[in-house]
Protein backbone atom coordinates (compact mmCIF):
# COMPACT_ATOMS: atom_id res chain seq x y z
CA UNK A 1 0.08 -8.69 32.76
CA UNK A 2 2.97 -10.27 31.37
CA UNK A 3 6.77 -9.00 32.29
CA UNK A 4 8.01 -6.20 29.60
CA UNK A 5 4.50 -6.04 27.96
CA UNK A 6 5.15 -2.10 27.25
CA UNK A 7 7.33 -3.48 24.69
CA UNK A 8 4.63 -5.87 23.16
CA UNK A 9 3.97 -3.44 20.67
CA UNK A 10 7.06 -3.58 18.88
CA UNK A 11 8.04 -5.92 16.14
CA UNK A 12 11.63 -4.80 15.33
CA UNK A 13 14.40 -4.73 17.99
CA UNK A 14 17.39 -2.60 16.96
CA UNK A 15 21.03 -3.81 18.01
CA UNK A 16 24.50 -1.47 16.99
CA UNK A 17 28.24 -3.18 18.21
CA UNK A 18 31.19 -1.94 18.09
CA UNK A 19 33.06 -2.24 14.46
CA UNK A 20 33.82 -6.18 15.25
CA UNK A 21 30.44 -6.60 17.46
CA UNK A 22 32.08 -7.67 20.57
CA UNK A 23 30.18 -5.54 22.66
CA UNK A 24 26.73 -4.16 22.31
CA UNK A 25 26.30 -0.43 22.47
CA UNK A 26 23.20 0.65 21.77
CA UNK A 27 19.99 -0.90 21.63
CA UNK A 28 15.95 0.00 21.06
CA UNK A 29 12.51 -1.44 19.73
CA UNK A 30 10.86 0.37 17.06
CA UNK A 31 7.09 -0.35 15.75
CA UNK A 32 7.94 0.39 12.60
CA UNK A 33 11.40 -0.02 9.99
CA UNK A 34 12.03 1.20 6.16
CA UNK A 35 14.20 1.43 3.63
CA UNK A 36 15.64 -2.41 3.14
CA UNK A 37 16.37 -1.25 -0.52
CA UNK A 38 19.62 -1.47 -2.44
CA UNK A 39 19.54 -0.63 -6.21
CA UNK A 40 22.51 -2.14 -8.50
CA UNK A 41 23.31 0.16 -11.15
CA UNK A 42 24.27 -2.33 -14.38
CA UNK A 43 27.25 -1.64 -16.33
CA UNK A 44 26.27 -1.44 -20.83
CA UNK A 45 29.29 -2.70 -22.21
CA UNK A 46 28.64 -2.50 -26.15
CA UNK A 47 29.85 -5.13 -28.38
CA UNK A 48 31.38 -4.18 -31.98
CA UNK A 49 29.29 -5.76 -34.71
CA UNK A 50 26.00 -6.69 -32.61
CA UNK A 51 23.83 -4.08 -32.95
CA UNK A 52 20.97 -5.77 -31.12
CA UNK A 53 20.73 -5.06 -27.10
CA UNK A 54 23.95 -4.63 -25.58
CA UNK A 55 25.39 -7.22 -22.25
CA UNK A 56 25.26 -5.72 -18.64
CA UNK A 57 27.78 -7.00 -15.89
CA UNK A 58 26.99 -5.55 -11.85
CA UNK A 59 27.81 -2.10 -11.17
CA UNK A 60 27.79 -0.70 -8.03
CA UNK A 61 25.16 -0.82 -5.71
CA UNK A 62 24.54 1.69 -3.04
CA UNK A 63 21.69 0.99 -0.58
CA UNK A 64 19.26 3.44 0.98
CA UNK A 65 18.84 4.87 4.64
CA UNK A 66 16.83 2.74 6.39
CA UNK A 67 14.21 4.70 8.74
CA UNK A 68 13.18 3.83 12.05
CA UNK A 69 10.01 5.32 13.11
CA UNK A 70 8.24 5.74 16.47
CA UNK A 71 10.88 3.84 19.16
CA UNK A 72 11.92 3.01 22.99
CA UNK A 73 15.03 2.28 24.89
CA UNK A 74 15.94 1.98 29.11
CA UNK A 75 18.74 4.56 28.16
CA UNK A 76 19.69 6.98 25.62
CA UNK A 77 23.12 5.56 23.79
CA UNK A 78 21.28 6.15 20.41
CA UNK A 79 20.96 9.88 21.31
CA UNK A 80 24.79 9.96 22.73
CA UNK A 81 26.06 8.00 19.54
CA UNK A 82 24.16 10.63 17.52
CA UNK A 83 25.63 13.23 18.83
CA UNK A 84 29.50 11.36 19.00
CA UNK A 85 29.07 11.51 15.40
CA UNK A 86 27.33 14.80 15.08
CA UNK A 87 28.98 17.91 17.32
CA UNK A 88 32.10 16.06 19.06
CA UNK A 89 33.40 15.77 15.17
CA UNK A 90 33.68 11.65 15.75
CA UNK A 91 32.61 11.29 11.74
CA UNK A 92 33.95 7.54 11.47
CA UNK A 93 32.28 6.06 14.16
CA UNK A 94 30.52 3.56 12.76
CA UNK A 95 28.70 0.55 13.99
CA UNK A 96 27.55 -2.75 13.03
CA UNK A 97 24.21 -3.55 13.43
CA UNK A 98 21.60 -5.96 13.35
CA UNK A 99 17.58 -5.34 13.23
CA UNK A 100 15.66 -8.11 14.37
CA UNK A 101 11.72 -8.91 12.68
CA UNK A 102 10.05 -10.49 15.79
CA UNK A 103 7.04 -13.12 15.06
CA UNK A 104 4.04 -13.47 16.71
CA UNK A 105 4.44 -12.32 20.68
CA UNK A 106 3.72 -15.70 22.92
CA UNK A 107 3.40 -15.09 26.75
CA UNK A 108 4.29 -17.91 29.26
CA UNK A 109 5.21 -17.32 32.69
CA UNK A 110 4.89 -13.72 32.82
CA UNK A 111 7.66 -13.00 30.48
CA UNK A 112 6.98 -12.55 26.61
CA UNK A 113 8.68 -13.94 24.53
CA UNK A 114 8.91 -13.82 20.43
CA UNK A 115 10.64 -16.34 17.78
CA UNK A 116 13.35 -14.43 15.78
CA UNK A 117 12.15 -14.35 11.98
CA UNK A 118 14.26 -12.16 10.60
CA UNK A 119 17.27 -10.20 11.06
CA UNK A 120 19.07 -8.34 8.95
CA UNK A 121 22.60 -7.32 9.58
CA UNK A 122 24.08 -4.14 8.67
CA UNK A 123 27.82 -2.62 7.91
CA UNK A 124 29.37 0.58 8.43
CA UNK A 125 25.88 2.17 10.20
CA UNK A 126 25.96 6.05 10.96
CA UNK A 127 23.26 7.93 11.81
CA UNK A 128 22.14 11.14 9.98
CA UNK A 129 18.43 12.31 11.46
CA UNK A 130 17.39 11.38 14.79
CA UNK A 131 13.95 12.98 15.73
CA UNK A 132 12.95 13.37 19.37
CA UNK A 133 9.15 12.76 20.74
CA UNK A 134 6.49 15.38 22.10
CA UNK A 135 7.55 15.23 25.69
CA UNK A 136 5.03 13.50 28.10
CA UNK A 137 5.28 13.46 31.84
CA UNK A 138 3.92 10.34 32.25
CA UNK A 139 6.55 8.61 29.61
CA UNK A 140 9.04 6.14 31.67
CA UNK A 141 10.76 4.90 28.50
CA UNK A 142 13.33 7.67 26.11
CA UNK A 143 11.09 7.20 23.08
CA UNK A 144 12.52 7.78 19.74
CA UNK A 145 10.35 9.44 16.98
CA UNK A 146 12.04 9.04 13.79
CA UNK A 147 16.46 7.94 12.99
CA UNK A 148 17.65 7.77 10.29
CA UNK A 149 20.95 5.10 9.17
CA UNK A 150 22.82 5.14 6.74
CA UNK A 151 25.33 2.27 5.91
CA UNK A 152 27.23 0.36 3.28
CA UNK A 153 25.52 -2.62 3.34
CA UNK A 154 23.21 -5.14 4.09
CA UNK A 155 22.81 -9.20 4.94
CA UNK A 156 19.43 -11.02 5.42
CA UNK A 157 19.60 -14.41 8.20
CA UNK A 158 16.88 -16.62 8.69
CA UNK A 159 17.77 -18.18 12.45
CA UNK A 160 17.37 -21.30 13.23
CA UNK A 161 13.90 -22.20 13.66
CA UNK A 162 13.58 -23.41 17.46
CA UNK A 163 15.88 -19.70 18.29
CA UNK A 164 14.24 -17.65 20.67
CA UNK A 165 14.37 -13.89 21.29
CA UNK A 166 13.86 -12.63 24.48
CA UNK A 167 11.95 -9.25 24.64
CA UNK A 168 14.18 -8.31 28.10
CA UNK A 169 15.12 -4.39 28.37
CA UNK A 170 16.40 -2.56 25.88
């Protein structure tokens, strides 16, 4: 059996860093991620004497919450971050993050290796919902059923073709 094979089903790795991205604070693997959505509401400008149509200019952009589903991590750092921003009243404690989308896994020398296909960068990330799992005595990782994140912005990056991201422990 391949090393770290318990993470093969999880196609998305989430890394969360402090705001200047100098240190990794939270990490986990998830099987489903939704909410990659940005909506720009255009400003409508009417022109005097121009009665057919109107002009549109870029307006404010709103981002949908990112929803991470069915995840695992070896440590409880995602819950700790949620706890810091809610019960400990640290409302401004936002992180930077990335969601790595893996391609097809390959096994070589007992290690599972993946090519990162896409990387979504997130800024100003704040957790708004944490849903824990049903408890099982046979589970070895800390499971997360659902985690909702609001953020200030998205950026899509495509890694270099030769770039690989191994699936080490979360």
